[in-house]
Amino acid sequence: MLRLYSAIWRASAGRQILLILLSVAVAALAAVPLEFQRAIVNHLTSLDVGAERLVYLGLGMMGVILLSLALKWVLGYRAGTLGEDMIRLIRQRLLWRSSDINETGESVRKGTMTTAISAEAEELGKFAGGAFSDPVVQIGTLISVIGYISSTQPGLGLIAFSMIVPQIIIVLVSQRKVNVFVAERVRILRSATDQLTTEDLDAVEQDINALFDDIYETRKRMFLWKLSAKFLLSVINGAGTVGILMLGGWLVLQGKTDVGTVVAATSGLGRIQGPTAFLIAFYRQVSANRIKYELMLELFGPDPTRYRHRT
């Protein structure tokens, strides 16, 4: 993973820093609407309800939402264009490598190189665009929201935090197995495309169909692991929602908290489920792209650095 991130940083450090700063700003605003929501609910349930304060709180909440959305728009645009630039860069270097192979007669088959330039470069480049900013936004959002819930009611914050730990364990275990299938699928696909470039397709048709069957079986095993992990993660999220409602309701009945805090905590739980799910998917994406990056390095031969600065 360090090799993959080092390569991305070397190619785009300046733009990545800007994306990280934007990500921190977005994450810092994540919990602010929850405080406005808590204040609005408590204001409506108080004895002294005034329309002026309600309008003030509503406008403040909308202003924060608009600012956050604007920052996300800029972040998404910058990350997307950076990803496209990285795709172009990878394809250029693979093309240069293809030219060298033609000159030296090395044994890298055309089908493998075609797959790398068309599909694998696309996936790696897109990942590079958000490699740093995406986790910063989501981790920052988790810290912001859980920190806010804990500051208003520590017990509810503990429930929110306790949902994350088992999900991390489940993902680490399942993804280790999925990574094996990812590498196997890439190698099988490369082998199939190599055979597709032969002139006598009739002679290799049976072998290619067998490889397609292997890809199908590999994907089936991947689905079993991914969907089983997703089921367990959904169970944990459901249990967390019920737990917050039960504990929050009990605290309200005991006079130890207010309705607005419980409502904000429930909304906050929904806010952390999104980042948690994203980080899980992101970890899987990192793992898959790490394997694809290592497989792509094989195409560059013993000295991949010679293609970094070629013009």
Protein backbone atom coordinates (compact mmCIF):
# COMPACT_ATOMS: atom_id res chain seq x y z
CA MET A 1 0.00 0.00 0.00
CA LEU A 2 2.88 2.37 0.78
CA ARG A 3 4.34 1.84 -2.69
CA LEU A 4 1.02 2.77 -4.30
CA TYR A 5 0.57 5.91 -2.18
CA SER A 6 4.20 6.94 -2.67
CA ALA A 7 3.78 6.76 -6.43
CA ILE A 8 0.57 8.83 -6.29
CA TRP A 9 2.20 11.43 -4.03
CA ARG A 10 5.25 11.78 -6.30
CA ALA A 11 3.01 12.36 -9.30
CA SER A 12 0.54 14.84 -7.74
CA ALA A 13 1.74 16.13 -4.35
CA GLY A 14 0.79 19.79 -4.87
CA ARG A 15 -2.76 19.09 -6.01
CA GLN A 16 -3.22 16.46 -3.30
CA ILE A 17 -2.38 19.04 -0.60
CA LEU A 18 -5.12 21.35 -1.90
CA LEU A 19 -7.61 18.47 -1.91
CA ILE A 20 -6.67 17.55 1.66
CA LEU A 21 -7.26 21.13 2.84
CA LEU A 22 -10.69 21.17 1.18
CA SER A 23 -11.45 17.80 2.78
CA VAL A 24 -10.59 19.08 6.25
CA ALA A 25 -12.94 22.05 5.73
CA VAL A 26 -15.79 19.76 4.65
CA ALA A 27 -15.24 17.44 7.63
CA ALA A 28 -15.11 20.35 10.07
CA LEU A 29 -18.61 21.44 8.97
CA ALA A 30 -20.11 17.94 9.24
CA ALA A 31 -21.43 18.24 12.81
CA VAL A 32 -22.58 21.88 12.63
CA PRO A 33 -26.05 21.11 11.13
CA LEU A 34 -26.64 18.64 13.98
CA GLU A 35 -26.23 21.43 16.54
CA PHE A 36 -28.71 23.59 14.62
CA GLN A 37 -31.10 20.62 14.47
CA ARG A 38 -30.81 20.06 18.23
CA ALA A 39 -31.39 23.75 18.89
CA ILE A 40 -34.48 23.84 16.62
CA VAL A 41 -36.07 20.77 18.24
CA ASN A 42 -35.40 22.03 21.76
CA HIS A 43 -36.74 25.47 20.83
CA LEU A 44 -39.99 23.95 19.51
CA THR A 45 -40.46 21.89 22.68
CA SER A 46 -39.72 24.80 25.04
CA LEU A 47 -42.36 27.00 26.67
CA ASP A 48 -41.03 30.16 25.02
CA VAL A 49 -41.38 29.48 21.29
CA GLY A 50 -40.55 32.45 19.05
CA ALA A 51 -40.77 32.56 15.26
CA GLU A 52 -37.85 34.96 14.96
CA ARG A 53 -35.37 32.62 16.63
CA LEU A 54 -36.75 29.70 14.61
CA VAL A 55 -36.13 31.58 11.35
CA TYR A 56 -32.65 32.54 12.54
CA LEU A 57 -31.76 28.92 13.33
CA GLY A 58 -33.21 27.70 10.02
CA LEU A 59 -31.25 30.26 7.98
CA GLY A 60 -28.07 29.43 9.88
CA MET A 61 -28.51 25.72 9.26
CA MET A 62 -29.20 26.30 5.54
CA GLY A 63 -26.15 28.54 5.25
CA VAL A 64 -23.88 25.86 6.70
CA ILE A 65 -25.41 23.23 4.39
CA LEU A 66 -24.86 25.41 1.30
CA LEU A 67 -21.27 26.16 2.29
CA SER A 68 -20.57 22.47 2.82
CA LEU A 69 -22.13 21.55 -0.54
CA ALA A 70 -20.11 24.24 -2.32
CA LEU A 71 -16.87 22.93 -0.83
CA LYS A 72 -17.84 19.37 -1.81
CA TRP A 73 -18.51 20.54 -5.37
CA VAL A 74 -15.06 22.10 -5.65
CA LEU A 75 -13.49 19.05 -4.03
CA GLY A 76 -15.29 16.65 -6.38
CA TYR A 77 -14.33 18.63 -9.47
CA ARG A 78 -10.66 18.94 -8.49
CA ALA A 79 -10.43 15.25 -7.54
CA GLY A 80 -12.17 14.17 -10.75
CA THR A 81 -9.91 16.20 -13.04
CA LEU A 82 -6.85 14.99 -11.14
CA GLY A 83 -8.00 11.40 -11.63
CA GLU A 84 -8.39 11.94 -15.37
CA ASP A 85 -4.92 13.48 -15.54
CA MET A 86 -3.51 10.42 -13.78
CA ILE A 87 -5.29 8.10 -16.21
CA ARG A 88 -3.69 9.97 -19.12
CA LEU A 89 -0.28 9.80 -17.45
CA ILE A 90 -0.47 6.04 -16.82
CA ARG A 91 -1.59 5.38 -20.38
CA GLN A 92 1.22 7.50 -21.80
CA ARG A 93 3.82 5.58 -19.82
CA LEU A 94 2.34 2.22 -20.79
CA LEU A 95 2.41 3.36 -24.42
CA TRP A 96 6.08 4.28 -24.10
CA ARG A 97 6.71 0.89 -22.56
CA SER A 98 4.92 -0.78 -25.50
CA SER A 99 7.23 1.04 -27.91
CA ASP A 100 10.29 -0.22 -26.02
CA ILE A 101 8.92 -3.77 -26.06
CA ASN A 102 8.50 -3.61 -29.83
CA GLU A 103 12.09 -2.42 -30.18
CA THR A 104 13.69 -4.90 -27.78
CA GLY A 105 11.47 -7.89 -28.49
CA GLU A 106 10.63 -8.51 -24.84
CA SER A 107 7.95 -11.06 -23.95
CA VAL A 108 4.97 -8.93 -22.93
CA ARG A 109 1.97 -9.92 -25.00
CA LYS A 110 -0.26 -7.38 -26.75
CA GLY A 111 -3.44 -8.54 -25.02
CA THR A 112 -1.96 -7.93 -21.58
CA MET A 113 -0.76 -4.47 -22.52
CA THR A 114 -4.11 -3.64 -24.16
CA THR A 115 -6.00 -4.62 -21.00
CA ALA A 116 -3.63 -2.55 -18.86
CA ILE A 117 -3.97 0.56 -21.04
CA SER A 118 -7.74 0.38 -21.48
CA ALA A 119 -9.14 -0.93 -18.17
CA GLU A 120 -6.49 -1.10 -15.46
CA ALA A 121 -5.16 2.42 -16.12
CA GLU A 122 -8.74 3.75 -15.84
CA GLU A 123 -9.26 2.19 -12.41
CA LEU A 124 -5.89 3.21 -11.00
CA GLY A 125 -6.16 6.77 -12.30
CA LYS A 126 -9.64 7.33 -10.86
CA PHE A 127 -8.47 6.00 -7.52
CA ALA A 128 -5.46 8.33 -7.51
CA GLY A 129 -7.73 11.39 -7.79
CA GLY A 130 -9.28 10.79 -4.37
CA ALA A 131 -6.60 8.63 -2.77
CA PHE A 132 -5.87 11.18 -0.04
CA SER A 133 -8.91 13.49 0.04
CA ASP A 134 -11.61 10.81 0.20
CA PRO A 135 -10.41 9.17 3.44
CA VAL A 136 -9.67 12.58 5.00
CA VAL A 137 -13.27 13.71 4.39
CA GLN A 138 -14.82 10.53 5.74
CA ILE A 139 -12.52 10.04 8.73
CA GLY A 140 -12.83 13.72 9.57
CA THR A 141 -16.63 13.45 9.37
CA LEU A 142 -16.61 10.48 11.74
CA ILE A 143 -14.43 12.34 14.24
CA SER A 144 -16.54 15.48 13.96
CA VAL A 145 -19.92 13.76 14.35
CA ILE A 146 -18.93 11.24 17.06
CA GLY A 147 -17.13 14.00 18.94
CA TYR A 148 -20.25 16.14 18.81
CA ILE A 149 -22.55 13.33 20.00
CA SER A 150 -20.14 12.47 22.83
CA SER A 151 -19.97 16.11 23.94
CA THR A 152 -23.76 16.32 24.23
CA GLN A 153 -24.30 12.85 25.74
CA PRO A 154 -21.29 10.53 26.35
CA GLY A 155 -23.42 7.36 26.52
CA LEU A 156 -24.86 7.94 23.06
CA GLY A 157 -21.40 8.76 21.74
CA LEU A 158 -20.10 5.47 23.12
CA ILE A 159 -22.77 3.54 21.23
CA ALA A 160 -21.90 5.39 18.01
CA PHE A 161 -18.19 4.65 18.48
CA SER A 162 -18.76 0.99 19.41
CA MET A 163 -20.44 0.41 16.04
CA ILE A 164 -17.24 1.19 14.13
CA VAL A 165 -14.79 -1.25 15.77
CA PRO A 166 -16.55 -4.55 14.85
CA GLN A 167 -17.12 -3.27 11.33
CA ILE A 168 -13.39 -2.66 10.90
CA ILE A 169 -12.62 -6.20 12.08
CA ILE A 170 -15.16 -7.75 9.71
CA VAL A 171 -13.81 -5.80 6.73
CA LEU A 172 -10.17 -6.63 7.46
CA VAL A 173 -10.94 -10.35 7.62
CA SER A 174 -13.17 -10.48 4.55
CA GLN A 175 -11.05 -8.19 2.37
CA ARG A 176 -7.93 -10.31 2.86
CA LYS A 177 -9.75 -13.15 1.11
CA VAL A 178 -11.28 -10.90 -1.57
CA ASN A 179 -7.80 -9.58 -2.47
CA VAL A 180 -6.75 -13.08 -3.51
CA PHE A 181 -9.73 -13.27 -5.87
CA VAL A 182 -8.99 -9.81 -7.31
CA ALA A 183 -5.43 -10.78 -8.27
CA GLU A 184 -6.62 -14.08 -9.69
CA ARG A 185 -9.29 -12.37 -11.80
CA VAL A 186 -6.85 -9.83 -13.27
CA ARG A 187 -4.37 -12.55 -14.25
CA ILE A 188 -7.08 -14.71 -15.84
CA LEU A 189 -8.46 -11.73 -17.79
CA ARG A 190 -5.01 -10.84 -19.08
CA SER A 191 -4.48 -14.44 -20.18
CA ALA A 192 -7.81 -14.44 -22.02
CA THR A 193 -7.08 -11.18 -23.86
CA ASP A 194 -3.62 -12.47 -24.80
CA GLN A 195 -5.23 -15.43 -26.53
CA LEU A 196 -7.81 -13.20 -28.20
CA THR A 197 -4.99 -11.44 -30.08
CA THR A 198 -3.95 -14.65 -31.83
CA GLU A 199 -4.83 -14.97 -35.47
CA ASP A 200 -6.43 -18.43 -35.23
CA LEU A 201 -9.29 -17.83 -32.78
CA ASP A 202 -10.93 -21.16 -33.61
CA ALA A 203 -7.92 -23.00 -32.19
CA VAL A 204 -8.06 -21.21 -28.83
CA GLU A 205 -11.82 -20.71 -28.51
CA GLN A 206 -12.25 -23.58 -26.06
CA ASP A 207 -9.38 -22.37 -23.88
CA ILE A 208 -10.76 -18.80 -23.83
CA ASN A 209 -14.22 -20.05 -22.85
CA ALA A 210 -12.63 -22.01 -20.02
CA LEU A 211 -10.92 -18.84 -18.80
CA PHE A 212 -14.25 -16.98 -18.94
CA ASP A 213 -15.70 -19.74 -16.75
CA ASP A 214 -12.81 -19.29 -14.32
CA ILE A 215 -13.52 -15.55 -14.11
CA TYR A 216 -17.19 -16.30 -13.42
CA GLU A 217 -16.34 -18.71 -10.60
CA THR A 218 -13.87 -16.25 -9.11
CA ARG A 219 -16.47 -13.49 -9.11
CA LYS A 220 -19.01 -15.81 -7.46
CA ARG A 221 -16.63 -16.45 -4.57
CA MET A 222 -15.98 -12.70 -4.27
CA PHE A 223 -19.73 -12.03 -4.07
CA LEU A 224 -20.16 -14.58 -1.26
CA TRP A 225 -17.53 -12.86 0.89
CA LYS A 226 -18.62 -9.31 0.08
CA LEU A 227 -22.36 -9.88 0.60
CA SER A 228 -21.83 -11.83 3.83
CA ALA A 229 -19.71 -8.99 5.20
CA LYS A 230 -22.33 -6.44 4.07
CA PHE A 231 -25.06 -8.39 5.88
CA LEU A 232 -23.11 -8.35 9.16
CA LEU A 233 -22.36 -4.63 8.80
CA SER A 234 -26.06 -3.87 8.26
CA VAL A 235 -26.95 -5.85 11.40
CA ILE A 236 -24.48 -3.75 13.40
CA ASN A 237 -25.92 -0.49 12.01
CA GLY A 238 -29.46 -1.57 12.85
CA ALA A 239 -28.48 -2.55 16.38
CA GLY A 240 -26.76 0.82 16.84
CA THR A 241 -29.89 2.75 15.83
CA VAL A 242 -32.08 0.74 18.22
CA GLY A 243 -29.51 1.17 20.99
CA ILE A 244 -29.39 4.95 20.66
CA LEU A 245 -33.18 5.24 20.60
CA MET A 246 -33.57 2.98 23.66
CA LEU A 247 -30.82 4.61 25.72
CA GLY A 248 -31.77 8.11 24.59
CA GLY A 249 -35.44 7.48 25.38
CA TRP A 250 -34.56 6.17 28.85
CA LEU A 251 -32.37 9.22 29.53
CA VAL A 252 -35.19 11.55 28.46
CA LEU A 253 -37.62 9.75 30.81
CA GLN A 254 -35.09 10.09 33.62
CA GLY A 255 -34.67 13.79 32.90
CA LYS A 256 -30.96 13.37 32.12
CA THR A 257 -31.08 14.64 28.54
CA ASP A 258 -33.46 16.40 26.16
CA VAL A 259 -35.37 15.32 23.08
CA GLY A 260 -33.24 17.48 20.79
CA THR A 261 -30.07 15.63 21.86
CA VAL A 262 -31.65 12.24 21.08
CA VAL A 263 -32.90 13.46 17.70
CA ALA A 264 -29.48 14.93 16.86
CA ALA A 265 -27.75 11.71 17.98
CA THR A 266 -30.06 9.60 15.81
CA SER A 267 -29.41 11.87 12.83
CA GLY A 268 -25.70 11.79 13.64
CA LEU A 269 -25.79 8.01 13.59
CA GLY A 270 -27.13 8.20 10.05
CA ARG A 271 -24.34 10.65 9.23
CA ILE A 272 -21.63 8.24 10.43
CA GLN A 273 -23.10 5.21 8.66
CA GLY A 274 -22.39 6.85 5.31
CA PRO A 275 -18.70 7.61 6.02
CA THR A 276 -18.24 4.20 7.64
CA ALA A 277 -19.67 2.44 4.58
CA PHE A 278 -17.56 4.64 2.32
CA LEU A 279 -14.35 3.90 4.24
CA ILE A 280 -15.09 0.19 4.08
CA ALA A 281 -15.58 0.42 0.32
CA PHE A 282 -12.51 2.65 0.07
CA TYR A 283 -10.37 0.13 1.94
CA ARG A 284 -11.52 -2.55 -0.47
CA GLN A 285 -10.70 -0.25 -3.37
CA VAL A 286 -7.24 0.47 -1.94
CA SER A 287 -6.57 -3.25 -1.52
CA ALA A 288 -7.72 -4.04 -5.05
CA ASN A 289 -5.76 -1.17 -6.61
CA ARG A 290 -2.63 -2.08 -4.65
CA ILE A 291 -2.71 -5.49 -6.29
CA LYS A 292 -3.42 -3.98 -9.72
CA TYR A 293 -0.57 -1.50 -9.24
CA GLU A 294 1.85 -4.30 -8.40
CA LEU A 295 0.68 -6.27 -11.40
CA MET A 296 1.09 -3.20 -13.61
CA LEU A 297 4.63 -2.68 -12.35
CA GLU A 298 5.44 -6.10 -13.79
CA LEU A 299 4.72 -4.67 -17.25
CA PHE A 300 7.36 -1.96 -16.81
CA GLY A 301 10.17 -4.45 -16.33
CA PRO A 302 13.03 -4.19 -13.84
CA ASP A 303 13.35 -0.38 -13.99
CA PRO A 304 9.92 1.36 -13.99
CA THR A 305 11.50 4.70 -12.99
CA ARG A 306 12.83 5.24 -16.52
CA TYR A 307 9.26 6.08 -17.67
CA ARG A 308 8.55 8.75 -15.04
CA HIS A 309 10.08 11.75 -16.75
CA ARG A 310 10.04 10.77 -20.39
CA THR A 311 8.77 13.42 -22.78
